[in-house]
């Protein structure tokens, strides 16, 4: 993250610059990325232009990284959600794994984790057979062992 005036800005500096009003704005936008400036203004007691200025500063500082739609995966045709624990067979190749998996359809995220596996993938596919195809593709792409956990039901997500 950089500051156009003073070079790099670390996350601790950004956090120390946030106040309670920024927190209200961030909470509201996190719950509803389409919250209007008018609604943010009412919640914070600031004018619409002051809220707009704060939102723009939060965007420039990288606190707000973007806005997105929340999609119902089943209605989209991606009925199977799963987590795949990925452990390298050759740890000298570990650093290359995320880049090699990055553009594979069905892999939604790749997180570095503490513990026995090195990475945890979140995947979404159409069916169990498509999950098997994805697992086979992962094994052809990188030299890893995997352990898959299928999500039966999501009770909540924040």
N, C-alpha and C. Protein backbone atom coordinates (compact mmCIF):
# COMPACT_ATOMS: atom_id res chain seq x y z
N UNK A 1 0.85 -1.15 0.00
CA UNK A 1 0.00 0.00 0.00
C UNK A 1 0.90 1.23 0.00
N UNK A 2 0.53 2.23 -0.77
CA UNK A 2 1.35 3.42 -0.82
C UNK A 2 0.51 4.66 -0.56
N UNK A 3 1.19 5.68 -0.12
CA UNK A 3 0.59 6.99 0.06
C UNK A 3 1.25 7.88 -0.97
N UNK A 4 0.48 8.56 -1.80
CA UNK A 4 1.05 9.33 -2.91
C UNK A 4 2.02 10.39 -2.44
N UNK A 5 1.90 10.85 -1.21
CA UNK A 5 2.79 11.90 -0.73
C UNK A 5 4.06 11.37 -0.08
N UNK A 6 3.95 10.29 0.66
CA UNK A 6 5.06 9.87 1.51
C UNK A 6 5.55 8.45 1.29
N UNK A 7 5.21 7.80 0.19
CA UNK A 7 5.70 6.45 -0.08
C UNK A 7 4.84 5.40 0.62
N UNK A 8 5.47 4.26 1.02
CA UNK A 8 4.72 3.14 1.58
C UNK A 8 3.99 3.51 2.88
N UNK A 9 2.81 2.90 3.04
CA UNK A 9 2.03 3.06 4.26
C UNK A 9 1.74 1.66 4.78
N UNK A 10 2.06 1.41 6.07
CA UNK A 10 1.77 0.07 6.59
C UNK A 10 0.38 0.03 7.20
N UNK A 11 -0.12 -1.18 7.40
CA UNK A 11 -1.49 -1.37 7.88
C UNK A 11 -1.69 -0.75 9.26
N UNK A 12 -0.69 -0.78 10.13
CA UNK A 12 -0.83 -0.20 11.47
C UNK A 12 -1.05 1.30 11.39
N UNK A 13 -0.38 1.97 10.46
CA UNK A 13 -0.57 3.40 10.28
C UNK A 13 -1.99 3.70 9.85
N UNK A 14 -2.51 2.92 8.91
CA UNK A 14 -3.87 3.13 8.42
C UNK A 14 -4.87 2.92 9.55
N UNK A 15 -4.71 1.84 10.34
CA UNK A 15 -5.63 1.57 11.44
C UNK A 15 -5.62 2.70 12.44
N UNK A 16 -4.46 3.24 12.75
CA UNK A 16 -4.38 4.30 13.74
C UNK A 16 -5.05 5.58 13.24
N UNK A 17 -5.25 5.70 11.94
CA UNK A 17 -5.89 6.89 11.37
C UNK A 17 -7.41 6.76 11.28
N UNK A 18 -7.96 5.62 11.61
CA UNK A 18 -9.41 5.41 11.54
C UNK A 18 -10.05 5.90 12.83
N UNK A 19 -11.21 6.54 12.70
CA UNK A 19 -11.94 6.96 13.90
C UNK A 19 -13.29 6.26 13.93
N UNK A 20 -14.11 6.59 14.94
CA UNK A 20 -15.40 5.92 15.12
C UNK A 20 -16.33 6.15 13.93
N UNK A 21 -16.27 7.33 13.33
CA UNK A 21 -17.12 7.63 12.17
C UNK A 21 -16.72 6.75 10.99
N UNK A 22 -15.41 6.58 10.77
CA UNK A 22 -14.95 5.66 9.73
C UNK A 22 -15.47 4.26 10.01
N UNK A 23 -15.47 3.86 11.27
CA UNK A 23 -15.97 2.54 11.65
C UNK A 23 -17.43 2.35 11.29
N UNK A 24 -18.24 3.39 11.53
CA UNK A 24 -19.66 3.32 11.18
C UNK A 24 -19.82 3.16 9.67
N UNK A 25 -19.08 3.96 8.92
CA UNK A 25 -19.14 3.89 7.46
C UNK A 25 -18.73 2.50 6.97
N UNK A 26 -17.62 1.99 7.50
CA UNK A 26 -17.13 0.67 7.08
C UNK A 26 -18.12 -0.43 7.43
N UNK A 27 -18.70 -0.38 8.64
CA UNK A 27 -19.68 -1.39 9.04
C UNK A 27 -20.88 -1.39 8.11
N UNK A 28 -21.37 -0.20 7.79
CA UNK A 28 -22.55 -0.10 6.92
C UNK A 28 -22.23 -0.61 5.51
N UNK A 29 -21.08 -0.23 4.97
CA UNK A 29 -20.72 -0.67 3.62
C UNK A 29 -20.42 -2.16 3.58
N UNK A 30 -19.90 -2.69 4.68
CA UNK A 30 -19.65 -4.13 4.71
C UNK A 30 -20.96 -4.91 4.69
N UNK A 31 -21.98 -4.40 5.37
CA UNK A 31 -23.29 -5.06 5.38
C UNK A 31 -24.03 -4.85 4.06
N UNK A 32 -23.85 -3.67 3.47
CA UNK A 32 -24.54 -3.34 2.21
C UNK A 32 -23.64 -2.43 1.39
N UNK A 33 -22.92 -3.02 0.45
CA UNK A 33 -22.00 -2.26 -0.39
C UNK A 33 -22.70 -1.22 -1.26
N UNK A 34 -24.02 -1.30 -1.33
CA UNK A 34 -24.78 -0.34 -2.12
C UNK A 34 -25.44 0.73 -1.25
N UNK A 35 -25.03 0.81 0.01
CA UNK A 35 -25.58 1.84 0.89
C UNK A 35 -25.32 3.21 0.26
N UNK A 36 -26.34 4.04 0.26
CA UNK A 36 -26.20 5.35 -0.38
C UNK A 36 -25.45 6.31 0.54
N UNK A 37 -24.88 7.34 -0.08
CA UNK A 37 -24.23 8.38 0.70
C UNK A 37 -25.23 9.03 1.66
N UNK A 38 -26.47 9.12 1.25
CA UNK A 38 -27.52 9.69 2.09
C UNK A 38 -27.72 8.84 3.35
N UNK A 39 -27.76 7.52 3.20
CA UNK A 39 -27.90 6.63 4.36
C UNK A 39 -26.68 6.72 5.27
N UNK A 40 -25.50 6.78 4.67
CA UNK A 40 -24.28 6.91 5.46
C UNK A 40 -24.27 8.25 6.20
N UNK A 41 -24.77 9.28 5.54
CA UNK A 41 -24.85 10.60 6.14
C UNK A 41 -25.77 10.59 7.36
N UNK A 42 -26.94 9.97 7.23
CA UNK A 42 -27.89 9.88 8.34
C UNK A 42 -27.29 9.12 9.53
N UNK A 43 -26.57 8.04 9.24
CA UNK A 43 -26.01 7.21 10.30
C UNK A 43 -24.85 7.89 11.04
N UNK A 44 -24.11 8.72 10.32
CA UNK A 44 -22.93 9.35 10.92
C UNK A 44 -23.18 10.77 11.43
N UNK A 45 -24.23 11.39 10.93
CA UNK A 45 -24.49 12.78 11.29
C UNK A 45 -23.66 13.77 10.49
N UNK A 46 -22.97 13.28 9.48
CA UNK A 46 -22.17 14.15 8.61
C UNK A 46 -22.98 14.53 7.38
N UNK A 47 -22.54 15.56 6.70
CA UNK A 47 -23.17 15.93 5.43
C UNK A 47 -22.84 14.87 4.38
N UNK A 48 -23.63 14.84 3.33
CA UNK A 48 -23.39 13.89 2.24
C UNK A 48 -22.00 14.10 1.65
N UNK A 49 -21.60 15.34 1.45
CA UNK A 49 -20.28 15.61 0.86
C UNK A 49 -19.15 15.19 1.80
N UNK A 50 -19.35 15.35 3.11
CA UNK A 50 -18.33 14.91 4.06
C UNK A 50 -18.20 13.39 4.07
N UNK A 51 -19.33 12.70 3.98
CA UNK A 51 -19.31 11.23 3.92
C UNK A 51 -18.63 10.78 2.63
N UNK A 52 -18.96 11.43 1.52
CA UNK A 52 -18.35 11.07 0.24
C UNK A 52 -16.84 11.24 0.31
N UNK A 53 -16.39 12.31 0.92
CA UNK A 53 -14.96 12.56 1.07
C UNK A 53 -14.30 11.45 1.91
N UNK A 54 -14.97 11.06 2.99
CA UNK A 54 -14.41 9.99 3.84
C UNK A 54 -14.35 8.67 3.09
N UNK A 55 -15.41 8.33 2.36
CA UNK A 55 -15.42 7.07 1.59
C UNK A 55 -14.29 7.09 0.57
N UNK A 56 -14.10 8.19 -0.12
CA UNK A 56 -13.03 8.29 -1.11
C UNK A 56 -11.65 8.14 -0.46
N UNK A 57 -11.46 8.72 0.72
CA UNK A 57 -10.19 8.58 1.44
C UNK A 57 -9.96 7.12 1.85
N UNK A 58 -11.02 6.47 2.33
CA UNK A 58 -10.91 5.06 2.70
C UNK A 58 -10.56 4.19 1.49
N UNK A 59 -11.11 4.53 0.34
CA UNK A 59 -10.78 3.81 -0.90
C UNK A 59 -9.33 4.05 -1.28
N UNK A 60 -8.89 5.31 -1.26
CA UNK A 60 -7.50 5.64 -1.64
C UNK A 60 -6.48 4.99 -0.71
N UNK A 61 -6.82 4.90 0.57
CA UNK A 61 -5.91 4.31 1.55
C UNK A 61 -5.94 2.79 1.53
N UNK A 62 -6.82 2.21 0.72
CA UNK A 62 -6.87 0.76 0.58
C UNK A 62 -7.67 0.07 1.66
N UNK A 63 -8.36 0.82 2.52
CA UNK A 63 -9.20 0.20 3.53
C UNK A 63 -10.43 -0.42 2.85
N UNK A 64 -11.04 0.33 1.94
CA UNK A 64 -12.10 -0.21 1.09
C UNK A 64 -11.43 -0.66 -0.19
N UNK A 65 -11.40 -1.97 -0.42
CA UNK A 65 -10.69 -2.51 -1.57
C UNK A 65 -11.59 -2.72 -2.77
N UNK A 66 -12.90 -2.66 -2.59
CA UNK A 66 -13.80 -2.84 -3.71
C UNK A 66 -15.20 -3.13 -3.24
N UNK A 67 -16.09 -3.29 -4.21
CA UNK A 67 -17.49 -3.58 -3.95
C UNK A 67 -17.86 -4.78 -4.81
N UNK A 68 -18.77 -5.62 -4.31
CA UNK A 68 -19.12 -6.80 -5.09
C UNK A 68 -20.54 -7.24 -4.81
N UNK A 69 -21.05 -8.04 -5.71
CA UNK A 69 -22.36 -8.65 -5.53
C UNK A 69 -22.19 -9.96 -4.78
N UNK A 70 -23.14 -10.31 -3.96
CA UNK A 70 -23.14 -11.59 -3.26
C UNK A 70 -24.09 -12.50 -4.04
N UNK A 71 -23.56 -13.59 -4.54
CA UNK A 71 -24.29 -14.48 -5.46
C UNK A 71 -24.73 -15.74 -4.74
N UNK A 72 -25.92 -16.21 -5.02
CA UNK A 72 -26.41 -17.49 -4.53
C UNK A 72 -25.82 -18.57 -5.44
N UNK A 73 -24.85 -19.31 -4.91
CA UNK A 73 -24.12 -20.30 -5.72
C UNK A 73 -25.02 -21.39 -6.30
N UNK A 74 -25.96 -21.89 -5.52
CA UNK A 74 -26.84 -22.94 -6.02
C UNK A 74 -27.68 -22.46 -7.19
N UNK A 75 -28.24 -21.26 -7.07
CA UNK A 75 -29.04 -20.72 -8.17
C UNK A 75 -28.19 -20.39 -9.38
N UNK A 76 -26.91 -20.20 -9.17
CA UNK A 76 -25.98 -19.95 -10.27
C UNK A 76 -25.56 -21.26 -10.94
N UNK A 77 -25.88 -22.36 -10.30
CA UNK A 77 -25.51 -23.66 -10.88
C UNK A 77 -24.25 -24.25 -10.27
N UNK A 78 -23.77 -23.67 -9.17
CA UNK A 78 -22.58 -24.19 -8.50
C UNK A 78 -23.01 -24.75 -7.15
N UNK A 79 -23.59 -25.95 -7.19
CA UNK A 79 -24.23 -26.53 -6.01
C UNK A 79 -23.25 -27.13 -5.02
N UNK A 80 -22.03 -27.43 -5.43
CA UNK A 80 -21.07 -28.09 -4.54
C UNK A 80 -19.99 -27.09 -4.12
N UNK A 81 -19.94 -26.82 -2.82
CA UNK A 81 -18.88 -26.01 -2.22
C UNK A 81 -18.00 -26.95 -1.42
N UNK A 82 -16.70 -26.74 -1.49
CA UNK A 82 -15.79 -27.62 -0.74
C UNK A 82 -14.54 -26.85 -0.35
N UNK A 83 -13.88 -27.40 0.66
CA UNK A 83 -12.57 -26.90 1.08
C UNK A 83 -11.57 -28.00 0.74
N UNK A 84 -10.46 -27.61 0.15
CA UNK A 84 -9.43 -28.59 -0.18
C UNK A 84 -8.14 -28.19 0.52
N UNK A 85 -7.70 -29.04 1.46
CA UNK A 85 -6.43 -28.83 2.13
C UNK A 85 -5.33 -29.33 1.20
N UNK A 86 -4.33 -28.48 0.96
CA UNK A 86 -3.28 -28.78 -0.01
C UNK A 86 -1.93 -28.84 0.70
N UNK A 87 -1.27 -29.98 0.57
CA UNK A 87 0.06 -30.17 1.16
C UNK A 87 1.04 -30.50 0.04
N UNK A 88 2.11 -29.71 -0.10
CA UNK A 88 3.09 -30.00 -1.16
C UNK A 88 3.78 -31.33 -0.91
N UNK A 89 4.06 -32.03 -1.97
CA UNK A 89 4.86 -33.25 -1.87
C UNK A 89 6.33 -32.86 -1.80
N UNK A 90 6.71 -31.83 -2.55
CA UNK A 90 8.06 -31.30 -2.56
C UNK A 90 8.01 -29.86 -2.05
N UNK A 91 8.44 -29.65 -0.82
CA UNK A 91 8.33 -28.33 -0.20
C UNK A 91 9.20 -27.27 -0.88
N UNK A 92 10.15 -27.67 -1.69
CA UNK A 92 10.95 -26.68 -2.42
C UNK A 92 10.11 -25.99 -3.50
N UNK A 93 8.97 -26.59 -3.86
CA UNK A 93 8.07 -26.02 -4.86
C UNK A 93 6.87 -25.30 -4.24
N UNK A 94 6.82 -25.23 -2.90
CA UNK A 94 5.66 -24.70 -2.19
C UNK A 94 5.27 -23.29 -2.62
N UNK A 95 6.22 -22.42 -2.78
CA UNK A 95 5.93 -21.01 -3.10
C UNK A 95 5.26 -20.83 -4.45
N UNK A 96 5.42 -21.79 -5.35
CA UNK A 96 4.85 -21.69 -6.70
C UNK A 96 3.39 -22.15 -6.77
N UNK A 97 2.92 -22.85 -5.77
CA UNK A 97 1.59 -23.46 -5.83
C UNK A 97 0.47 -22.44 -6.03
N UNK A 98 0.38 -21.37 -5.23
CA UNK A 98 -0.74 -20.43 -5.44
C UNK A 98 -0.79 -19.86 -6.86
N UNK A 99 0.35 -19.47 -7.42
CA UNK A 99 0.35 -18.91 -8.77
C UNK A 99 -0.10 -19.94 -9.81
N UNK A 100 0.28 -21.19 -9.63
CA UNK A 100 -0.10 -22.22 -10.59
C UNK A 100 -1.60 -22.56 -10.51
N UNK A 101 -2.21 -22.34 -9.35
CA UNK A 101 -3.63 -22.67 -9.17
C UNK A 101 -4.55 -21.47 -9.39
N UNK A 102 -3.97 -20.29 -9.46
CA UNK A 102 -4.71 -19.04 -9.46
C UNK A 102 -5.81 -18.94 -10.52
N UNK A 103 -5.57 -19.38 -11.71
CA UNK A 103 -6.51 -19.18 -12.81
C UNK A 103 -7.33 -20.42 -13.17
N UNK A 104 -7.38 -21.38 -12.28
CA UNK A 104 -8.17 -22.59 -12.54
C UNK A 104 -9.62 -22.32 -12.16
N UNK A 105 -10.53 -22.54 -13.11
CA UNK A 105 -11.96 -22.36 -12.86
C UNK A 105 -12.41 -23.25 -11.72
N UNK A 106 -13.21 -22.70 -10.85
CA UNK A 106 -13.75 -23.44 -9.72
C UNK A 106 -13.02 -23.15 -8.42
N UNK A 107 -11.75 -22.73 -8.50
CA UNK A 107 -11.02 -22.36 -7.29
C UNK A 107 -11.31 -20.90 -7.00
N UNK A 108 -11.99 -20.66 -5.87
CA UNK A 108 -12.41 -19.31 -5.53
C UNK A 108 -11.38 -18.57 -4.70
N UNK A 109 -10.64 -19.30 -3.85
CA UNK A 109 -9.62 -18.66 -3.03
C UNK A 109 -8.57 -19.68 -2.63
N UNK A 110 -7.39 -19.15 -2.30
CA UNK A 110 -6.28 -19.96 -1.81
C UNK A 110 -5.67 -19.21 -0.64
N UNK A 111 -5.73 -19.83 0.54
CA UNK A 111 -5.19 -19.22 1.75
C UNK A 111 -4.02 -20.03 2.28
N UNK A 112 -2.98 -19.33 2.70
CA UNK A 112 -1.89 -19.97 3.42
C UNK A 112 -2.37 -20.22 4.84
N UNK A 113 -2.16 -21.43 5.36
CA UNK A 113 -2.66 -21.76 6.69
C UNK A 113 -1.56 -22.35 7.55
N UNK A 114 -1.74 -22.22 8.87
CA UNK A 114 -0.83 -22.85 9.82
C UNK A 114 -1.28 -24.28 10.04
N UNK A 115 -0.34 -25.16 10.23
CA UNK A 115 -0.70 -26.55 10.47
C UNK A 115 -0.15 -27.45 9.40
N UNK A 116 -0.69 -28.63 9.31
CA UNK A 116 -0.19 -29.64 8.41
C UNK A 116 -0.32 -29.27 6.93
N UNK A 117 -1.49 -28.89 6.43
CA UNK A 117 -1.50 -28.45 5.04
C UNK A 117 -0.87 -27.06 4.93
N UNK A 118 -0.35 -26.74 3.78
CA UNK A 118 0.22 -25.40 3.55
C UNK A 118 -0.83 -24.41 3.09
N UNK A 119 -1.84 -24.92 2.35
CA UNK A 119 -2.86 -24.05 1.76
C UNK A 119 -4.24 -24.65 1.94
N UNK A 120 -5.23 -23.75 1.97
CA UNK A 120 -6.62 -24.19 1.99
C UNK A 120 -7.32 -23.52 0.81
N UNK A 121 -7.86 -24.34 -0.07
CA UNK A 121 -8.60 -23.83 -1.22
C UNK A 121 -10.09 -23.84 -0.90
N UNK A 122 -10.79 -22.82 -1.36
CA UNK A 122 -12.25 -22.82 -1.34
C UNK A 122 -12.66 -23.00 -2.79
N UNK A 123 -13.49 -24.00 -3.05
CA UNK A 123 -13.89 -24.29 -4.43
C UNK A 123 -15.41 -24.35 -4.55
N UNK A 124 -15.89 -24.04 -5.76
CA UNK A 124 -17.32 -24.13 -6.08
C UNK A 124 -17.44 -24.75 -7.47
N UNK A 125 -18.21 -25.83 -7.54
CA UNK A 125 -18.40 -26.52 -8.82
C UNK A 125 -19.85 -26.97 -8.95
N UNK A 126 -20.20 -27.46 -10.13
CA UNK A 126 -21.57 -27.83 -10.44
C UNK A 126 -22.04 -29.11 -9.78
N UNK A 127 -21.12 -30.09 -9.63
CA UNK A 127 -21.55 -31.42 -9.21
C UNK A 127 -20.37 -32.18 -8.60
N UNK A 128 -20.66 -33.30 -7.95
CA UNK A 128 -19.56 -34.13 -7.43
C UNK A 128 -18.58 -34.58 -8.53
N UNK A 129 -19.09 -34.89 -9.71
CA UNK A 129 -18.19 -35.31 -10.79
C UNK A 129 -17.29 -34.16 -11.23
N UNK A 130 -17.81 -32.92 -11.21
CA UNK A 130 -16.98 -31.76 -11.54
C UNK A 130 -15.93 -31.52 -10.45
N UNK A 131 -16.27 -31.83 -9.20
CA UNK A 131 -15.29 -31.73 -8.12
C UNK A 131 -14.16 -32.73 -8.34
N UNK A 132 -14.52 -33.93 -8.77
CA UNK A 132 -13.49 -34.94 -9.07
C UNK A 132 -12.60 -34.46 -10.21
N UNK A 133 -13.19 -33.89 -11.25
CA UNK A 133 -12.40 -33.35 -12.37
C UNK A 133 -11.46 -32.24 -11.88
N UNK A 134 -11.97 -31.37 -11.00
CA UNK A 134 -11.14 -30.28 -10.47
C UNK A 134 -9.98 -30.85 -9.66
N UNK A 135 -10.24 -31.83 -8.83
CA UNK A 135 -9.17 -32.45 -8.05
C UNK A 135 -8.11 -33.07 -8.96
N UNK A 136 -8.55 -33.74 -10.01
CA UNK A 136 -7.60 -34.33 -10.96
C UNK A 136 -6.76 -33.24 -11.63
N UNK A 137 -7.40 -32.12 -11.98
CA UNK A 137 -6.66 -31.02 -12.60
C UNK A 137 -5.64 -30.43 -11.64
N UNK A 138 -6.02 -30.27 -10.39
CA UNK A 138 -5.08 -29.75 -9.38
C UNK A 138 -3.87 -30.66 -9.29
N UNK A 139 -4.09 -31.97 -9.25
CA UNK A 139 -2.98 -32.93 -9.14
C UNK A 139 -2.12 -32.96 -10.39
N UNK A 140 -2.69 -32.68 -11.55
CA UNK A 140 -1.89 -32.61 -12.78
C UNK A 140 -1.08 -31.30 -12.84
N UNK A 141 -1.59 -30.26 -12.17
CA UNK A 141 -0.97 -28.94 -12.24
C UNK A 141 0.17 -28.78 -11.24
N UNK A 142 -0.02 -29.30 -10.03
CA UNK A 142 1.00 -29.16 -8.98
C UNK A 142 1.17 -30.50 -8.26
N UNK A 143 2.36 -30.71 -7.74
CA UNK A 143 2.67 -31.95 -7.04
C UNK A 143 2.29 -31.80 -5.56
N UNK A 144 1.06 -32.22 -5.25
CA UNK A 144 0.53 -32.05 -3.90
C UNK A 144 -0.32 -33.25 -3.49
N UNK A 145 -0.54 -33.35 -2.20
CA UNK A 145 -1.58 -34.25 -1.71
C UNK A 145 -2.72 -33.35 -1.26
N UNK A 146 -3.95 -33.87 -1.33
CA UNK A 146 -5.11 -33.06 -0.97
C UNK A 146 -6.03 -33.84 -0.04
N UNK A 147 -6.79 -33.09 0.74
CA UNK A 147 -7.86 -33.66 1.54
C UNK A 147 -9.06 -32.73 1.37
N UNK A 148 -10.17 -33.29 0.93
CA UNK A 148 -11.34 -32.50 0.57
C UNK A 148 -12.46 -32.65 1.58
N UNK A 149 -13.06 -31.51 1.95
CA UNK A 149 -14.22 -31.48 2.82
C UNK A 149 -15.34 -30.78 2.08
N UNK A 150 -16.45 -31.46 1.88
CA UNK A 150 -17.60 -30.88 1.17
C UNK A 150 -18.49 -30.16 2.18
N UNK A 151 -18.90 -28.95 1.83
CA UNK A 151 -19.81 -28.16 2.66
C UNK A 151 -21.22 -28.67 2.43
N UNK A 152 -21.90 -29.05 3.50
CA UNK A 152 -23.28 -29.51 3.39
C UNK A 152 -24.25 -28.34 3.42
N UNK A 153 -24.02 -27.40 4.33
CA UNK A 153 -24.92 -26.25 4.46
C UNK A 153 -24.16 -25.11 5.13
N UNK A 154 -24.34 -23.89 4.64
CA UNK A 154 -23.77 -22.72 5.27
C UNK A 154 -24.86 -22.07 6.11
N UNK A 155 -24.59 -21.92 7.40
CA UNK A 155 -25.58 -21.31 8.28
C UNK A 155 -25.47 -19.80 8.30
N UNK A 156 -24.27 -19.28 8.16
CA UNK A 156 -24.10 -17.84 8.05
C UNK A 156 -22.73 -17.54 7.50
N UNK A 157 -22.58 -16.36 6.94
CA UNK A 157 -21.29 -15.86 6.46
C UNK A 157 -21.28 -14.38 6.72
N UNK A 158 -20.16 -13.85 7.13
CA UNK A 158 -20.05 -12.42 7.39
C UNK A 158 -19.19 -11.75 6.36
